Amino acid sequence: MTSPDWNAEECVSPIVEENIHTLAQLTAFLESLDGALYRQLSGDRGQHSIGKHVRHIIDHYLTFLGLAGNPTGETLDYEHRQRDMVLETDRQAAIHCLAGLAGELSRILRDKPVKPLALNHNSEGHHQLFPSSIGRELVFLANHTVHHMAIIGLLAEQAGEQVGESFGVNPSTLRYWSQQEQKNGRNNSSACNNAGARVSVS
């Protein structure tokens, strides 16, 4: 089976832009959020907070960018993340970091090679290497970020905050909604109108 003819930069550029747009949406949301709510713990064991999910998102981008910017690096391992706890409680620090990530992503095609990567996955102590690429990991990061933004949106709504309808919704779902509106008009009884549907769409 032969590989399709494709230009790496042309294929990766749109997903870079999608990641940047998603991070900008998250940043704008955090700028309007109260600092106390950002730190507020929820859940029976206090395991969830908006800040924890934001830090988790940032960790994954920092891990990826650390490897993507290393000309000798070959193996990506998301298990070995920075886990900077300051980002869980300091909303301004998280906003600053997100802006830096967007800047790094905007330079990834200009300054970094579009190269194959190996992804290390730990399954109960059994390490496996899987072939990947910058483009494939950018697709993962975009979906991973939207998934956690969906949870962030739920936590904010539970605290009485207004959350935009498109926040934490996968672009494919937004396209589907748009197609359905064009065909049938808006269905107000749709499951897509409630907060719970946001988490199930990723």
C-alpha atoms as a PDB file:
ATOM      1  CA  MET A   1       0.000   0.000   0.000  1.00  0.00           C
ATOM      2  CA  THR A   2       1.521   3.319  -1.036  1.00  0.00           C
ATOM      3  CA  SER A   3       1.256   6.503   0.989  1.00  0.00           C
ATOM      4  CA  PRO A   4      -0.939   9.266  -0.435  1.00  0.00           C
ATOM      5  CA  ASP A   5       0.688  12.304  -2.009  1.00  0.00           C
ATOM      6  CA  TRP A   6       0.483  15.114   0.510  1.00  0.00           C
ATOM      7  CA  ASN A   7       2.307  18.196   1.678  1.00  0.00           C
ATOM      8  CA  ALA A   8       3.070  17.942   5.404  1.00  0.00           C
ATOM      9  CA  GLU A   9       2.885  21.672   6.062  1.00  0.00           C
ATOM     10  CA  GLU A  10      -0.422  22.050   4.221  1.00  0.00           C
ATOM     11  CA  CYS A  11      -1.919  19.155   6.214  1.00  0.00           C
ATOM     12  CA  VAL A  12      -0.638  20.267   9.620  1.00  0.00           C
ATOM     13  CA  SER A  13      -1.332  24.000   9.290  1.00  0.00           C
ATOM     14  CA  PRO A  14      -5.155  23.794   9.722  1.00  0.00           C
ATOM     15  CA  ILE A  15      -4.887  21.649  12.868  1.00  0.00           C
ATOM     16  CA  VAL A  16      -2.333  24.100  14.301  1.00  0.00           C
ATOM     17  CA  GLU A  17      -4.889  26.856  13.753  1.00  0.00           C
ATOM     18  CA  GLU A  18      -7.614  24.743  15.374  1.00  0.00           C
ATOM     19  CA  ASN A  19      -5.458  24.273  18.469  1.00  0.00           C
ATOM     20  CA  ILE A  20      -4.678  27.990  18.635  1.00  0.00           C
ATOM     21  CA  HIS A  21      -8.365  28.869  18.286  1.00  0.00           C
ATOM     22  CA  THR A  22      -9.312  26.425  21.058  1.00  0.00           C
ATOM     23  CA  LEU A  23      -6.659  27.818  23.407  1.00  0.00           C
ATOM     24  CA  ALA A  24      -7.821  31.367  22.635  1.00  0.00           C
ATOM     25  CA  GLN A  25     -11.399  30.367  23.507  1.00  0.00           C
ATOM     26  CA  LEU A  26     -10.208  28.890  26.810  1.00  0.00           C
ATOM     27  CA  THR A  27      -8.111  31.980  27.553  1.00  0.00           C
ATOM     28  CA  ALA A  28     -11.036  34.340  26.918  1.00  0.00           C
ATOM     29  CA  PHE A  29     -13.202  32.259  29.255  1.00  0.00           C
ATOM     30  CA  LEU A  30     -10.589  32.349  32.026  1.00  0.00           C
ATOM     31  CA  GLU A  31     -10.172  36.113  31.675  1.00  0.00           C
ATOM     32  CA  SER A  32     -13.850  36.537  32.562  1.00  0.00           C
ATOM     33  CA  LEU A  33     -13.761  34.036  35.428  1.00  0.00           C
ATOM     34  CA  ASP A  34     -13.506  34.846  39.119  1.00  0.00           C
ATOM     35  CA  GLY A  35     -10.222  33.692  40.661  1.00  0.00           C
ATOM     36  CA  ALA A  36     -11.977  31.994  43.580  1.00  0.00           C
ATOM     37  CA  LEU A  37     -14.121  29.922  41.224  1.00  0.00           C
ATOM     38  CA  TYR A  38     -10.998  28.955  39.275  1.00  0.00           C
ATOM     39  CA  ARG A  39      -9.574  27.398  42.466  1.00  0.00           C
ATOM     40  CA  GLN A  40     -12.837  26.060  43.901  1.00  0.00           C
ATOM     41  CA  LEU A  41     -12.776  22.313  44.566  1.00  0.00           C
ATOM     42  CA  SER A  42     -15.796  20.146  43.795  1.00  0.00           C
ATOM     43  CA  GLY A  43     -16.777  16.497  43.899  1.00  0.00           C
ATOM     44  CA  ASP A  44     -17.113  14.215  46.906  1.00  0.00           C
ATOM     45  CA  ARG A  45     -13.348  13.964  47.319  1.00  0.00           C
ATOM     46  CA  GLY A  46     -12.505  17.475  46.152  1.00  0.00           C
ATOM     47  CA  GLN A  47     -10.683  16.114  43.124  1.00  0.00           C
ATOM     48  CA  HIS A  48     -12.060  18.538  40.557  1.00  0.00           C
ATOM     49  CA  SER A  49     -11.527  22.215  39.927  1.00  0.00           C
ATOM     50  CA  ILE A  50     -11.416  24.366  36.842  1.00  0.00           C
ATOM     51  CA  GLY A  51      -7.775  25.095  37.641  1.00  0.00           C
ATOM     52  CA  LYS A  52      -6.876  21.396  37.759  1.00  0.00           C
ATOM     53  CA  HIS A  53      -8.334  20.815  34.308  1.00  0.00           C
ATOM     54  CA  VAL A  54      -6.592  23.885  32.890  1.00  0.00           C
ATOM     55  CA  ARG A  55      -3.266  22.751  34.339  1.00  0.00           C
ATOM     56  CA  HIS A  56      -3.814  19.292  32.832  1.00  0.00           C
ATOM     57  CA  ILE A  57      -4.429  20.829  29.391  1.00  0.00           C
ATOM     58  CA  ILE A  58      -1.302  22.977  29.657  1.00  0.00           C
ATOM     59  CA  ASP A  59       0.795  19.985  30.785  1.00  0.00           C
ATOM     60  CA  HIS A  60       0.018  18.100  27.607  1.00  0.00           C
ATOM     61  CA  TYR A  61       0.924  21.003  25.342  1.00  0.00           C
ATOM     62  CA  LEU A  62       4.186  21.636  27.209  1.00  0.00           C
ATOM     63  CA  THR A  63       5.125  17.954  26.882  1.00  0.00           C
ATOM     64  CA  PHE A  64       4.383  17.970  23.166  1.00  0.00           C
ATOM     65  CA  LEU A  65       6.135  21.270  22.452  1.00  0.00           C
ATOM     66  CA  GLY A  66       9.184  20.173  24.415  1.00  0.00           C
ATOM     67  CA  LEU A  67       9.643  17.266  22.059  1.00  0.00           C
ATOM     68  CA  ALA A  68       8.520  19.005  18.886  1.00  0.00           C
ATOM     69  CA  GLY A  69      11.141  21.686  19.487  1.00  0.00           C
ATOM     70  CA  ASN A  70      13.942  19.210  20.189  1.00  0.00           C
ATOM     71  CA  PRO A  71      15.779  18.199  17.005  1.00  0.00           C
ATOM     72  CA  THR A  72      17.197  15.060  18.666  1.00  0.00           C
ATOM     73  CA  GLY A  73      14.046  14.064  20.546  1.00  0.00           C
ATOM     74  CA  GLU A  74      12.148  11.081  19.235  1.00  0.00           C
ATOM     75  CA  THR A  75       9.865   9.686  21.944  1.00  0.00           C
ATOM     76  CA  LEU A  76       6.824  11.489  23.305  1.00  0.00           C
ATOM     77  CA  ASP A  77       5.575  10.435  26.742  1.00  0.00           C
ATOM     78  CA  TYR A  78       2.571  12.300  28.174  1.00  0.00           C
ATOM     79  CA  GLU A  79       2.950  10.466  31.479  1.00  0.00           C
ATOM     80  CA  HIS A  80       6.066  12.537  32.205  1.00  0.00           C
ATOM     81  CA  ARG A  81       4.427  15.952  32.498  1.00  0.00           C
ATOM     82  CA  GLN A  82       5.526  19.005  34.481  1.00  0.00           C
ATOM     83  CA  ARG A  83       2.416  19.154  36.715  1.00  0.00           C
ATOM     84  CA  ASP A  84       3.070  22.717  37.887  1.00  0.00           C
ATOM     85  CA  MET A  85       0.570  23.065  40.749  1.00  0.00           C
ATOM     86  CA  VAL A  86       0.781  26.872  40.625  1.00  0.00           C
ATOM     87  CA  LEU A  87      -1.257  26.709  37.418  1.00  0.00           C
ATOM     88  CA  GLU A  88      -4.105  25.024  39.337  1.00  0.00           C
ATOM     89  CA  THR A  89      -4.605  27.972  41.687  1.00  0.00           C
ATOM     90  CA  ASP A  90      -3.209  31.047  39.911  1.00  0.00           C
ATOM     91  CA  ARG A  91      -5.590  32.002  37.125  1.00  0.00           C
ATOM     92  CA  GLN A  92      -3.326  34.759  35.792  1.00  0.00           C
ATOM     93  CA  ALA A  93      -0.354  32.403  35.605  1.00  0.00           C
ATOM     94  CA  ALA A  94      -2.482  29.963  33.602  1.00  0.00           C
ATOM     95  CA  ILE A  95      -3.643  32.726  31.243  1.00  0.00           C
ATOM     96  CA  HIS A  96      -0.034  33.820  30.700  1.00  0.00           C
ATOM     97  CA  CYS A  97       1.019  30.229  30.014  1.00  0.00           C
ATOM     98  CA  LEU A  98      -1.816  29.652  27.543  1.00  0.00           C
ATOM     99  CA  ALA A  99      -0.775  32.767  25.611  1.00  0.00           C
ATOM    100  CA  GLY A 100       2.765  31.410  25.442  1.00  0.00           C
ATOM    101  CA  LEU A 101       1.528  28.051  24.177  1.00  0.00           C
ATOM    102  CA  ALA A 102      -0.444  29.725  21.402  1.00  0.00           C
ATOM    103  CA  GLY A 103       2.690  31.616  20.381  1.00  0.00           C
ATOM    104  CA  GLU A 104       4.746  28.423  20.278  1.00  0.00           C
ATOM    105  CA  LEU A 105       2.118  26.631  18.233  1.00  0.00           C
ATOM    106  CA  SER A 106       1.981  29.503  15.737  1.00  0.00           C
ATOM    107  CA  ARG A 107       5.723  29.024  15.122  1.00  0.00           C
ATOM    108  CA  ILE A 108       5.708  25.253  14.930  1.00  0.00           C
ATOM    109  CA  LEU A 109       5.661  25.052  11.125  1.00  0.00           C
ATOM    110  CA  ARG A 110       8.048  27.961  10.646  1.00  0.00           C
ATOM    111  CA  ASP A 111      10.722  26.916  13.133  1.00  0.00           C
ATOM    112  CA  LYS A 112      10.205  23.230  13.858  1.00  0.00           C
ATOM    113  CA  PRO A 113      10.569  20.234  11.546  1.00  0.00           C
ATOM    114  CA  VAL A 114       7.412  18.354  10.631  1.00  0.00           C
ATOM    115  CA  LYS A 115       8.741  14.965  11.638  1.00  0.00           C
ATOM    116  CA  PRO A 116       7.622  11.505  12.721  1.00  0.00           C
ATOM    117  CA  LEU A 117       7.470  10.792  16.438  1.00  0.00           C
ATOM    118  CA  ALA A 118       7.262   7.731  18.640  1.00  0.00           C
ATOM    119  CA  LEU A 119       4.630   7.756  21.386  1.00  0.00           C
ATOM    120  CA  ASN A 120       5.462   5.857  24.559  1.00  0.00           C
ATOM    121  CA  HIS A 121       2.394   4.411  26.310  1.00  0.00           C
ATOM    122  CA  ASN A 122       2.534   2.768  29.742  1.00  0.00           C
ATOM    123  CA  SER A 123      -0.079   0.054  30.242  1.00  0.00           C
ATOM    124  CA  GLU A 124       0.259  -1.171  33.852  1.00  0.00           C
ATOM    125  CA  GLY A 125       4.050  -0.958  33.656  1.00  0.00           C
ATOM    126  CA  HIS A 126       4.246  -2.402  30.143  1.00  0.00           C
ATOM    127  CA  HIS A 127       5.733   0.259  27.862  1.00  0.00           C
ATOM    128  CA  GLN A 128       4.870   0.244  24.192  1.00  0.00           C
ATOM    129  CA  LEU A 129       6.073   2.532  21.411  1.00  0.00           C
ATOM    130  CA  PHE A 130       3.600   3.579  18.730  1.00  0.00           C
ATOM    131  CA  PRO A 131       4.433   5.499  15.560  1.00  0.00           C
ATOM    132  CA  SER A 132       3.000   9.006  15.455  1.00  0.00           C
ATOM    133  CA  SER A 133       3.717  12.448  14.025  1.00  0.00           C
ATOM    134  CA  ILE A 134       3.422  16.124  14.874  1.00  0.00           C
ATOM    135  CA  GLY A 135       0.169  16.279  12.922  1.00  0.00           C
ATOM    136  CA  ARG A 136      -1.347  13.260  14.678  1.00  0.00           C
ATOM    137  CA  GLU A 137      -0.447  14.615  18.108  1.00  0.00           C
ATOM    138  CA  LEU A 138      -1.943  18.000  17.258  1.00  0.00           C
ATOM    139  CA  VAL A 139      -5.211  16.217  16.416  1.00  0.00           C
ATOM    140  CA  PHE A 140      -5.064  14.453  19.795  1.00  0.00           C
ATOM    141  CA  LEU A 141      -4.302  17.701  21.642  1.00  0.00           C
ATOM    142  CA  ALA A 142      -7.207  19.528  20.019  1.00  0.00           C
ATOM    143  CA  ASN A 143      -9.668  16.784  20.986  1.00  0.00           C
ATOM    144  CA  HIS A 144      -8.162  16.360  24.455  1.00  0.00           C
ATOM    145  CA  THR A 145      -8.438  20.101  25.130  1.00  0.00           C
ATOM    146  CA  VAL A 146     -12.062  20.307  24.007  1.00  0.00           C
ATOM    147  CA  HIS A 147     -12.942  17.332  26.209  1.00  0.00           C
ATOM    148  CA  HIS A 148     -11.526  19.011  29.306  1.00  0.00           C
ATOM    149  CA  MET A 149     -13.101  22.329  28.350  1.00  0.00           C
ATOM    150  CA  ALA A 150     -16.447  20.506  28.377  1.00  0.00           C
ATOM    151  CA  ILE A 151     -15.821  19.517  31.991  1.00  0.00           C
ATOM    152  CA  ILE A 152     -14.669  23.047  32.802  1.00  0.00           C
ATOM    153  CA  GLY A 153     -17.917  24.343  31.313  1.00  0.00           C
ATOM    154  CA  LEU A 154     -19.947  21.994  33.497  1.00  0.00           C
ATOM    155  CA  LEU A 155     -18.099  23.035  36.652  1.00  0.00           C
ATOM    156  CA  ALA A 156     -18.657  26.696  35.804  1.00  0.00           C
ATOM    157  CA  GLU A 157     -22.357  26.174  35.078  1.00  0.00           C
ATOM    158  CA  GLN A 158     -22.831  24.325  38.349  1.00  0.00           C
ATOM    159  CA  ALA A 159     -21.424  27.417  40.077  1.00  0.00           C
ATOM    160  CA  GLY A 160     -23.931  29.655  38.272  1.00  0.00           C
ATOM    161  CA  GLU A 161     -21.635  30.968  35.528  1.00  0.00           C
ATOM    162  CA  GLN A 162     -22.843  31.558  31.990  1.00  0.00           C
ATOM    163  CA  VAL A 163     -20.968  29.423  29.460  1.00  0.00           C
ATOM    164  CA  GLY A 164     -21.102  29.962  25.715  1.00  0.00           C
ATOM    165  CA  GLU A 165     -22.932  27.293  23.728  1.00  0.00           C
ATOM    166  CA  SER A 166     -19.853  26.448  21.650  1.00  0.00           C
ATOM    167  CA  PHE A 167     -17.469  26.250  24.627  1.00  0.00           C
ATOM    168  CA  GLY A 168     -16.142  22.715  25.055  1.00  0.00           C
ATOM    169  CA  VAL A 169     -17.915  21.411  21.981  1.00  0.00           C
ATOM    170  CA  ASN A 170     -15.983  19.527  19.330  1.00  0.00           C
ATOM    171  CA  PRO A 171     -15.753  21.338  15.955  1.00  0.00           C
ATOM    172  CA  SER A 172     -17.302  18.299  14.250  1.00  0.00           C
ATOM    173  CA  THR A 173     -20.335  18.636  16.525  1.00  0.00           C
ATOM    174  CA  LEU A 174     -20.598  22.352  15.781  1.00  0.00           C
ATOM    175  CA  ARG A 175     -20.565  21.546  12.063  1.00  0.00           C
ATOM    176  CA  TYR A 176     -23.264  18.923  12.598  1.00  0.00           C
ATOM    177  CA  TRP A 177     -25.432  21.395  14.533  1.00  0.00           C
ATOM    178  CA  SER A 178     -25.021  23.934  11.758  1.00  0.00           C
ATOM    179  CA  GLN A 179     -26.031  21.374   9.130  1.00  0.00           C
ATOM    180  CA  GLN A 180     -29.087  20.382  11.159  1.00  0.00           C
ATOM    181  CA  GLU A 181     -30.119  24.018  11.595  1.00  0.00           C
ATOM    182  CA  GLN A 182     -29.885  24.552   7.866  1.00  0.00           C
ATOM    183  CA  LYS A 183     -31.989  21.451   7.203  1.00  0.00           C
ATOM    184  CA  ASN A 184     -34.598  21.587   9.929  1.00  0.00           C
ATOM    185  CA  GLY A 185     -34.136  24.716  12.034  1.00  0.00           C
ATOM    186  CA  ARG A 186     -33.185  24.663  15.680  1.00  0.00           C
ATOM    187  CA  ASN A 187     -34.720  21.884  17.774  1.00  0.00           C
ATOM    188  CA  ASN A 188     -34.996  23.290  21.287  1.00  0.00           C
ATOM    189  CA  SER A 189     -35.709  19.886  22.800  1.00  0.00           C
ATOM    190  CA  SER A 190     -32.466  18.425  21.457  1.00  0.00           C
ATOM    191  CA  ALA A 191     -30.095  16.790  23.920  1.00  0.00           C
ATOM    192  CA  CYS A 192     -27.444  19.125  22.533  1.00  0.00           C
ATOM    193  CA  ASN A 193     -29.073  21.986  24.418  1.00  0.00           C
ATOM    194  CA  ASN A 194     -28.306  20.666  27.887  1.00  0.00           C
ATOM    195  CA  ALA A 195     -25.023  20.793  29.733  1.00  0.00           C
ATOM    196  CA  GLY A 196     -24.754  17.031  30.052  1.00  0.00           C
ATOM    197  CA  ALA A 197     -24.564  16.638  26.286  1.00  0.00           C
ATOM    198  CA  ARG A 198     -21.414  18.724  26.221  1.00  0.00           C
ATOM    199  CA  VAL A 199     -19.396  16.041  27.986  1.00  0.00           C
ATOM    200  CA  SER A 200     -20.697  13.217  25.816  1.00  0.00           C
ATOM    201  CA  VAL A 201     -19.524  14.991  22.656  1.00  0.00           C
ATOM    202  CA  SER A 202     -15.777  14.921  22.188  1.00  0.00           C
END
